[in-house]
Amino acid sequence: MTEAVMARSTAPQPTSTKVVADWNALMPGDFVTVLESYTVPHSGWIDDVTEDGRIVWLLLAFGGGRRMFFREDGDIITVEVP
C-alpha cells in the first residue's frame, strides 16, 4: 500500500451531528450525545430504551456511570454522521 493510500485511510473523516427524532430507533451500544436542557452535553453508549421510546439509559463516557434521560424533559439526542 502506498503512503498516500495509507494516509487517506487513516485520516479522520469529517462528520456532522444529526438529531435523533425517534428514540425508538436507538439501539444498545449506539454512541450518542444527550443535550440535557439543550445545553449540557452527556456522551456515551445507549444501554437501554423503553418500549415507547420515552426514556433512555446511557452509559456515560469516561467512567461517568449510568444515567436516565427523559424525552419529556426536552432532552435532545444527537449522533455523529459521516
PDB file of N, CA and C in Angstrom:
ATOM      1  N   MET A   1       0.854  -1.174   0.000  1.00  0.00           N
ATOM      2  CA  MET A   1       0.000   0.000   0.000  1.00  0.00           C
ATOM      3  C   MET A   1       0.898   1.235   0.000  1.00  0.00           C
ATOM      4  N   THR A   2       0.561   2.194  -0.809  1.00  0.00           N
ATOM      5  CA  THR A   2       1.379   3.400  -0.878  1.00  0.00           C
ATOM      6  C   THR A   2       1.084   4.304   0.304  1.00  0.00           C
ATOM      7  N   GLU A   3       2.017   5.240   0.569  1.00  0.00           N
ATOM      8  CA  GLU A   3       1.828   6.169   1.682  1.00  0.00           C
ATOM      9  C   GLU A   3       0.591   7.028   1.492  1.00  0.00           C
ATOM     10  N   ALA A   4       0.301   7.427   0.268  1.00  0.00           N
ATOM     11  CA  ALA A   4      -0.868   8.277   0.006  1.00  0.00           C
ATOM     12  C   ALA A   4      -2.150   7.537   0.343  1.00  0.00           C
ATOM     13  N   VAL A   5      -2.231   6.262  -0.016  1.00  0.00           N
ATOM     14  CA  VAL A   5      -3.429   5.470   0.289  1.00  0.00           C
ATOM     15  C   VAL A   5      -3.538   5.256   1.783  1.00  0.00           C
ATOM     16  N   MET A   6      -2.420   4.963   2.449  1.00  0.00           N
ATOM     17  CA  MET A   6      -2.448   4.773   3.902  1.00  0.00           C
ATOM     18  C   MET A   6      -2.877   6.051   4.606  1.00  0.00           C
ATOM     19  N   ALA A   7      -2.362   7.184   4.179  1.00  0.00           N
ATOM     20  CA  ALA A   7      -2.711   8.452   4.816  1.00  0.00           C
ATOM     21  C   ALA A   7      -4.195   8.738   4.652  1.00  0.00           C
ATOM     22  N   ARG A   8      -4.712   8.438   3.486  1.00  0.00           N
ATOM     23  CA  ARG A   8      -6.126   8.697   3.233  1.00  0.00           C
ATOM     24  C   ARG A   8      -7.002   7.784   4.095  1.00  0.00           C
ATOM     25  N   SER A   9      -6.603   6.533   4.272  1.00  0.00           N
ATOM     26  CA  SER A   9      -7.433   5.597   5.015  1.00  0.00           C
ATOM     27  C   SER A   9      -7.365   5.829   6.519  1.00  0.00           C
ATOM     28  N   THR A  10      -6.305   6.467   7.026  1.00  0.00           N
ATOM     29  CA  THR A  10      -6.198   6.683   8.465  1.00  0.00           C
ATOM     30  C   THR A  10      -6.544   8.113   8.865  1.00  0.00           C
ATOM     31  N   ALA A  11      -6.736   8.976   7.890  1.00  0.00           N
ATOM     32  CA  ALA A  11      -7.067  10.369   8.197  1.00  0.00           C
ATOM     33  C   ALA A  11      -8.480  10.439   8.756  1.00  0.00           C
ATOM     34  N   PRO A  12      -8.712  11.298   9.748  1.00  0.00           N
ATOM     35  CA  PRO A  12     -10.067  11.422  10.293  1.00  0.00           C
ATOM     36  C   PRO A  12     -11.020  11.919   9.220  1.00  0.00           C
ATOM     37  N   GLN A  13     -12.185  11.326   9.209  1.00  0.00           N
ATOM     38  CA  GLN A  13     -13.214  11.707   8.243  1.00  0.00           C
ATOM     39  C   GLN A  13     -14.082  12.813   8.838  1.00  0.00           C
ATOM     40  N   PRO A  14     -14.464  13.783   8.031  1.00  0.00           N
ATOM     41  CA  PRO A  14     -15.327  14.851   8.559  1.00  0.00           C
ATOM     42  C   PRO A  14     -16.699  14.283   8.937  1.00  0.00           C
ATOM     43  N   THR A  15     -17.223  14.763  10.046  1.00  0.00           N
ATOM     44  CA  THR A  15     -18.534  14.303  10.492  1.00  0.00           C
ATOM     45  C   THR A  15     -19.392  15.501  10.851  1.00  0.00           C
ATOM     46  N   SER A  16     -20.672  15.246  10.954  1.00  0.00           N
ATOM     47  CA  SER A  16     -21.603  16.250  11.449  1.00  0.00           C
ATOM     48  C   SER A  16     -22.533  15.537  12.410  1.00  0.00           C
ATOM     49  N   THR A  17     -23.383  16.278  13.088  1.00  0.00           N
ATOM     50  CA  THR A  17     -24.312  15.650  14.022  1.00  0.00           C
ATOM     51  C   THR A  17     -25.728  15.747  13.498  1.00  0.00           C
ATOM     52  N   LYS A  18     -26.529  14.785  13.897  1.00  0.00           N
ATOM     53  CA  LYS A  18     -27.923  14.714  13.483  1.00  0.00           C
ATOM     54  C   LYS A  18     -28.765  14.449  14.727  1.00  0.00           C
ATOM     55  N   VAL A  19     -29.869  15.166  14.863  1.00  0.00           N
ATOM     56  CA  VAL A  19     -30.784  14.941  15.975  1.00  0.00           C
ATOM     57  C   VAL A  19     -31.572  13.664  15.708  1.00  0.00           C
ATOM     58  N   VAL A  20     -31.684  12.820  16.730  1.00  0.00           N
ATOM     59  CA  VAL A  20     -32.467  11.590  16.624  1.00  0.00           C
ATOM     60  C   VAL A  20     -33.892  11.935  17.033  1.00  0.00           C
ATOM     61  N   ALA A  21     -34.785  12.006  16.057  1.00  0.00           N
ATOM     62  CA  ALA A  21     -36.174  12.383  16.322  1.00  0.00           C
ATOM     63  C   ALA A  21     -36.946  11.237  16.979  1.00  0.00           C
ATOM     64  N   ASP A  22     -36.641  10.015  16.597  1.00  0.00           N
ATOM     65  CA  ASP A  22     -37.357   8.841  17.107  1.00  0.00           C
ATOM     66  C   ASP A  22     -36.421   8.040  18.003  1.00  0.00           C
ATOM     67  N   TRP A  23     -36.591   8.175  19.311  1.00  0.00           N
ATOM     68  CA  TRP A  23     -35.709   7.472  20.242  1.00  0.00           C
ATOM     69  C   TRP A  23     -35.857   5.959  20.131  1.00  0.00           C
ATOM     70  N   ASN A  24     -36.963   5.477  19.559  1.00  0.00           N
ATOM     71  CA  ASN A  24     -37.120   4.034  19.349  1.00  0.00           C
ATOM     72  C   ASN A  24     -36.106   3.497  18.352  1.00  0.00           C
ATOM     73  N   ALA A  25     -35.529   4.365  17.537  1.00  0.00           N
ATOM     74  CA  ALA A  25     -34.544   3.941  16.544  1.00  0.00           C
ATOM     75  C   ALA A  25     -33.186   3.662  17.176  1.00  0.00           C
ATOM     76  N   LEU A  26     -32.997   4.060  18.428  1.00  0.00           N
ATOM     77  CA  LEU A  26     -31.718   3.845  19.112  1.00  0.00           C
ATOM     78  C   LEU A  26     -31.585   2.394  19.554  1.00  0.00           C
ATOM     79  N   MET A  27     -30.357   1.908  19.463  1.00  0.00           N
ATOM     80  CA  MET A  27     -30.075   0.531  19.838  1.00  0.00           C
ATOM     81  C   MET A  27     -28.992   0.506  20.914  1.00  0.00           C
ATOM     82  N   PRO A  28     -29.051  -0.461  21.834  1.00  0.00           N
ATOM     83  CA  PRO A  28     -27.972  -0.586  22.803  1.00  0.00           C
ATOM     84  C   PRO A  28     -26.630  -0.653  22.085  1.00  0.00           C
ATOM     85  N   GLY A  29     -25.669   0.115  22.595  1.00  0.00           N
ATOM     86  CA  GLY A  29     -24.346   0.171  22.003  1.00  0.00           C
ATOM     87  C   GLY A  29     -24.129   1.381  21.110  1.00  0.00           C
ATOM     88  N   ASP A  30     -25.211   2.059  20.683  1.00  0.00           N
ATOM     89  CA  ASP A  30     -25.059   3.272  19.873  1.00  0.00           C
ATOM     90  C   ASP A  30     -24.361   4.343  20.699  1.00  0.00           C
ATOM     91  N   PHE A  31     -23.383   5.032  20.113  1.00  0.00           N
ATOM     92  CA  PHE A  31     -22.714   6.133  20.799  1.00  0.00           C
ATOM     93  C   PHE A  31     -23.434   7.427  20.440  1.00  0.00           C
ATOM     94  N   VAL A  32     -23.899   8.155  21.460  1.00  0.00           N
ATOM     95  CA  VAL A  32     -24.697   9.363  21.245  1.00  0.00           C
ATOM     96  C   VAL A  32     -24.251  10.466  22.202  1.00  0.00           C
ATOM     97  N   THR A  33     -24.779  11.650  21.969  1.00  0.00           N
ATOM     98  CA  THR A  33     -24.640  12.748  22.913  1.00  0.00           C
ATOM     99  C   THR A  33     -26.039  13.224  23.252  1.00  0.00           C
ATOM    100  N   VAL A  34     -26.331  13.316  24.543  1.00  0.00           N
ATOM    101  CA  VAL A  34     -27.606  13.842  25.004  1.00  0.00           C
ATOM    102  C   VAL A  34     -27.374  15.281  25.427  1.00  0.00           C
ATOM    103  N   LEU A  35     -28.160  16.184  24.869  1.00  0.00           N
ATOM    104  CA  LEU A  35     -28.104  17.584  25.284  1.00  0.00           C
ATOM    105  C   LEU A  35     -29.193  17.797  26.320  1.00  0.00           C
ATOM    106  N   GLU A  36     -28.777  17.802  27.574  1.00  0.00           N
ATOM    107  CA  GLU A  36     -29.713  17.985  28.676  1.00  0.00           C
ATOM    108  C   GLU A  36     -30.053  19.470  28.782  1.00  0.00           C
ATOM    109  N   SER A  37     -31.325  19.782  28.825  1.00  0.00           N
ATOM    110  CA  SER A  37     -31.786  21.178  28.887  1.00  0.00           C
ATOM    111  C   SER A  37     -31.195  22.001  27.743  1.00  0.00           C
ATOM    112  N   TYR A  38     -30.993  21.351  26.605  1.00  0.00           N
ATOM    113  CA  TYR A  38     -30.493  21.987  25.374  1.00  0.00           C
ATOM    114  C   TYR A  38     -29.059  22.501  25.474  1.00  0.00           C
ATOM    115  N   THR A  39     -28.382  22.332  26.604  1.00  0.00           N
ATOM    116  CA  THR A  39     -27.048  22.922  26.736  1.00  0.00           C
ATOM    117  C   THR A  39     -25.988  21.991  27.305  1.00  0.00           C
ATOM    118  N   VAL A  40     -26.323  21.148  28.252  1.00  0.00           N
ATOM    119  CA  VAL A  40     -25.325  20.331  28.941  1.00  0.00           C
ATOM    120  C   VAL A  40     -25.154  18.997  28.199  1.00  0.00           C
ATOM    121  N   PRO A  41     -23.977  18.765  27.569  1.00  0.00           N
ATOM    122  CA  PRO A  41     -23.788  17.528  26.814  1.00  0.00           C
ATOM    123  C   PRO A  41     -23.330  16.370  27.694  1.00  0.00           C
ATOM    124  N   HIS A  42     -23.909  15.212  27.427  1.00  0.00           N
ATOM    125  CA  HIS A  42     -23.514  13.966  28.080  1.00  0.00           C
ATOM    126  C   HIS A  42     -23.316  12.939  26.975  1.00  0.00           C
ATOM    127  N   SER A  43     -22.087  12.466  26.787  1.00  0.00           N
ATOM    128  CA  SER A  43     -21.808  11.490  25.731  1.00  0.00           C
ATOM    129  C   SER A  43     -21.618  10.113  26.327  1.00  0.00           C
ATOM    130  N   GLY A  44     -22.059   9.112  25.564  1.00  0.00           N
ATOM    131  CA  GLY A  44     -21.888   7.738  25.995  1.00  0.00           C
ATOM    132  C   GLY A  44     -22.636   6.780  25.098  1.00  0.00           C
ATOM    133  N   TRP A  45     -22.801   5.567  25.598  1.00  0.00           N
ATOM    134  CA  TRP A  45     -23.405   4.488  24.826  1.00  0.00           C
ATOM    135  C   TRP A  45     -24.795   4.187  25.349  1.00  0.00           C
ATOM    136  N   ILE A  46     -25.734   3.992  24.439  1.00  0.00           N
ATOM    137  CA  ILE A  46     -27.095   3.617  24.827  1.00  0.00           C
ATOM    138  C   ILE A  46     -27.021   2.263  25.529  1.00  0.00           C
ATOM    139  N   ASP A  47     -27.586   2.191  26.724  1.00  0.00           N
ATOM    140  CA  ASP A  47     -27.661   0.935  27.466  1.00  0.00           C
ATOM    141  C   ASP A  47     -29.022   0.285  27.262  1.00  0.00           C
ATOM    142  N   ASP A  48     -30.076   1.115  27.255  1.00  0.00           N
ATOM    143  CA  ASP A  48     -31.424   0.576  27.063  1.00  0.00           C
ATOM    144  C   ASP A  48     -32.363   1.713  26.683  1.00  0.00           C
ATOM    145  N   VAL A  49     -33.467   1.355  26.048  1.00  0.00           N
ATOM    146  CA  VAL A  49     -34.521   2.299  25.657  1.00  0.00           C
ATOM    147  C   VAL A  49     -35.847   1.652  26.011  1.00  0.00           C
ATOM    148  N   THR A  50     -36.771   2.427  26.602  1.00  0.00           N
ATOM    149  CA  THR A  50     -38.080   1.860  26.906  1.00  0.00           C
ATOM    150  C   THR A  50     -38.828   1.556  25.613  1.00  0.00           C
ATOM    151  N   GLU A  51     -39.813   0.659  25.694  1.00  0.00           N
ATOM    152  CA  GLU A  51     -40.584   0.252  24.524  1.00  0.00           C
ATOM    153  C   GLU A  51     -41.239   1.426  23.811  1.00  0.00           C
ATOM    154  N   ASP A  52     -41.682   2.412  24.593  1.00  0.00           N
ATOM    155  CA  ASP A  52     -42.343   3.572  23.985  1.00  0.00           C
ATOM    156  C   ASP A  52     -41.350   4.658  23.546  1.00  0.00           C
ATOM    157  N   GLY A  53     -40.062   4.453  23.799  1.00  0.00           N
ATOM    158  CA  GLY A  53     -39.033   5.387  23.367  1.00  0.00           C
ATOM    159  C   GLY A  53     -39.012   6.703  24.123  1.00  0.00           C
ATOM    160  N   ARG A  54     -39.595   6.739  25.307  1.00  0.00           N
ATOM    161  CA  ARG A  54     -39.636   7.985  26.077  1.00  0.00           C
ATOM    162  C   ARG A  54     -38.483   8.131  27.052  1.00  0.00           C
ATOM    163  N   ILE A  55     -37.803   7.008  27.363  1.00  0.00           N
ATOM    164  CA  ILE A  55     -36.713   7.029  28.334  1.00  0.00           C
ATOM    165  C   ILE A  55     -35.534   6.242  27.756  1.00  0.00           C
ATOM    166  N   VAL A  56     -34.327   6.792  27.914  1.00  0.00           N
ATOM    167  CA  VAL A  56     -33.113   6.051  27.552  1.00  0.00           C
ATOM    168  C   VAL A  56     -32.181   6.022  28.754  1.00  0.00           C
ATOM    169  N   TRP A  57     -31.410   4.946  28.839  1.00  0.00           N
ATOM    170  CA  TRP A  57     -30.343   4.837  29.824  1.00  0.00           C
ATOM    171  C   TRP A  57     -29.039   4.914  29.056  1.00  0.00           C
ATOM    172  N   LEU A  58     -28.155   5.751  29.542  1.00  0.00           N
ATOM    173  CA  LEU A  58     -26.887   5.997  28.878  1.00  0.00           C
ATOM    174  C   LEU A  58     -25.742   5.590  29.798  1.00  0.00           C
ATOM    175  N   LEU A  59     -24.795   4.808  29.272  1.00  0.00           N
ATOM    176  CA  LEU A  59     -23.550   4.527  29.979  1.00  0.00           C
ATOM    177  C   LEU A  59     -22.600   5.642  29.593  1.00  0.00           C
ATOM    178  N   LEU A  60     -22.355   6.541  30.524  1.00  0.00           N
ATOM    179  CA  LEU A  60     -21.586   7.744  30.235  1.00  0.00           C
ATOM    180  C   LEU A  60     -20.116   7.443  29.965  1.00  0.00           C
ATOM    181  N   ALA A  61     -19.551   8.194  29.047  1.00  0.00           N
ATOM    182  CA  ALA A  61     -18.133   8.061  28.707  1.00  0.00           C
ATOM    183  C   ALA A  61     -17.276   8.473  29.906  1.00  0.00           C
ATOM    184  N   PHE A  62     -16.036   8.066  29.891  1.00  0.00           N
ATOM    185  CA  PHE A  62     -15.040   8.421  30.902  1.00  0.00           C
ATOM    186  C   PHE A  62     -15.431   7.956  32.299  1.00  0.00           C
ATOM    187  N   GLY A  63     -16.120   6.808  32.389  1.00  0.00           N
ATOM    188  CA  GLY A  63     -16.456   6.235  33.683  1.00  0.00           C
ATOM    189  C   GLY A  63     -17.476   7.032  34.468  1.00  0.00           C
ATOM    190  N   GLY A  64     -18.338   7.761  33.757  1.00  0.00           N
ATOM    191  CA  GLY A  64     -19.320   8.622  34.411  1.00  0.00           C
ATOM    192  C   GLY A  64     -20.535   7.915  34.977  1.00  0.00           C
ATOM    193  N   GLY A  65     -20.598   6.591  34.843  1.00  0.00           N
ATOM    194  CA  GLY A  65     -21.717   5.842  35.385  1.00  0.00           C
ATOM    195  C   GLY A  65     -22.860   5.698  34.393  1.00  0.00           C
ATOM    196  N   ARG A  66     -24.024   5.368  34.924  1.00  0.00           N
ATOM    197  CA  ARG A  66     -25.216   5.126  34.121  1.00  0.00           C
ATOM    198  C   ARG A  66     -26.235   6.194  34.477  1.00  0.00           C
ATOM    199  N   ARG A  67     -26.918   6.735  33.473  1.00  0.00           N
ATOM    200  CA  ARG A  67     -27.851   7.830  33.728  1.00  0.00           C
ATOM    201  C   ARG A  67     -29.089   7.671  32.862  1.00  0.00           C
ATOM    202  N   MET A  68     -30.230   8.068  33.416  1.00  0.00           N
ATOM    203  CA  MET A  68     -31.509   8.002  32.721  1.00  0.00           C
ATOM    204  C   MET A  68     -31.868   9.388  32.194  1.00  0.00           C
ATOM    205  N   PHE A  69     -32.399   9.429  30.956  1.00  0.00           N
ATOM    206  CA  PHE A  69     -32.847  10.684  30.354  1.00  0.00           C
ATOM    207  C   PHE A  69     -34.273  10.515  29.868  1.00  0.00           C
ATOM    208  N   PHE A  70     -35.073  11.570  30.044  1.00  0.00           N
ATOM    209  CA  PHE A  70     -36.490  11.540  29.708  1.00  0.00           C
ATOM    210  C   PHE A  70     -36.776  12.460  28.533  1.00  0.00           C
ATOM    211  N   ARG A  71     -37.441  11.953  27.539  1.00  0.00           N
ATOM    212  CA  ARG A  71     -37.824  12.755  26.377  1.00  0.00           C
ATOM    213  C   ARG A  71     -38.693  13.937  26.805  1.00  0.00           C
ATOM    214  N   GLU A  72     -39.572  13.714  27.795  1.00  0.00           N
ATOM    215  CA  GLU A  72     -40.486  14.761  28.273  1.00  0.00           C
ATOM    216  C   GLU A  72     -39.751  15.963  28.864  1.00  0.00           C
ATOM    217  N   ASP A  73     -38.514  15.758  29.306  1.00  0.00           N
ATOM    218  CA  ASP A  73     -37.730  16.860  29.877  1.00  0.00           C
ATOM    219  C   ASP A  73     -37.171  17.774  28.798  1.00  0.00           C
ATOM    220  N   GLY A  74     -37.366  17.402  27.529  1.00  0.00           N
ATOM    221  CA  GLY A  74     -36.849  18.216  26.441  1.00  0.00           C
ATOM    222  C   GLY A  74     -35.417  17.884  26.072  1.00  0.00           C
ATOM    223  N   ASP A  75     -34.891  16.777  26.602  1.00  0.00           N
ATOM    224  CA  ASP A  75     -33.530  16.381  26.251  1.00  0.00           C
ATOM    225  C   ASP A  75     -33.468  16.014  24.771  1.00  0.00           C
ATOM    226  N   ILE A  76     -32.351  16.333  24.133  1.00  0.00           N
ATOM    227  CA  ILE A  76     -32.155  16.068  22.706  1.00  0.00           C
ATOM    228  C   ILE A  76     -31.004  15.079  22.569  1.00  0.00           C
ATOM    229  N   ILE A  77     -31.191  14.075  21.724  1.00  0.00           N
ATOM    230  CA  ILE A  77     -30.138  13.099  21.465  1.00  0.00           C
ATOM    231  C   ILE A  77     -29.607  13.336  20.059  1.00  0.00           C
ATOM    232  N   THR A  78     -28.277  13.409  19.955  1.00  0.00           N
ATOM    233  CA  THR A  78     -27.647  13.559  18.654  1.00  0.00           C
ATOM    234  C   THR A  78     -26.662  12.422  18.415  1.00  0.00           C
ATOM    235  N   VAL A  79     -26.448  12.116  17.139  1.00  0.00           N
ATOM    236  CA  VAL A  79     -25.463  11.113  16.733  1.00  0.00           C
ATOM    237  C   VAL A  79     -24.573  11.753  15.677  1.00  0.00           C
ATOM    238  N   GLU A  80     -23.343  11.255  15.592  1.00  0.00           N
ATOM    239  CA  GLU A  80     -22.441  11.721  14.535  1.00  0.00           C
ATOM    240  C   GLU A  80     -22.720  10.934  13.271  1.00  0.00           C
ATOM    241  N   VAL A  81     -22.735  11.647  12.152  1.00  0.00           N
ATOM    242  CA  VAL A  81     -22.918  11.012  10.853  1.00  0.00           C
ATOM    243  C   VAL A  81     -21.788  11.442   9.928  1.00  0.00           C
ATOM    244  N   PRO A  82     -21.313  10.527   9.081  1.00  0.00           N
ATOM    245  CA  PRO A  82     -20.221  10.884   8.173  1.00  0.00           C
ATOM    246  C   PRO A  82     -20.659  11.882   7.111  1.00  0.00           C
TER     247      PRO A  82
END
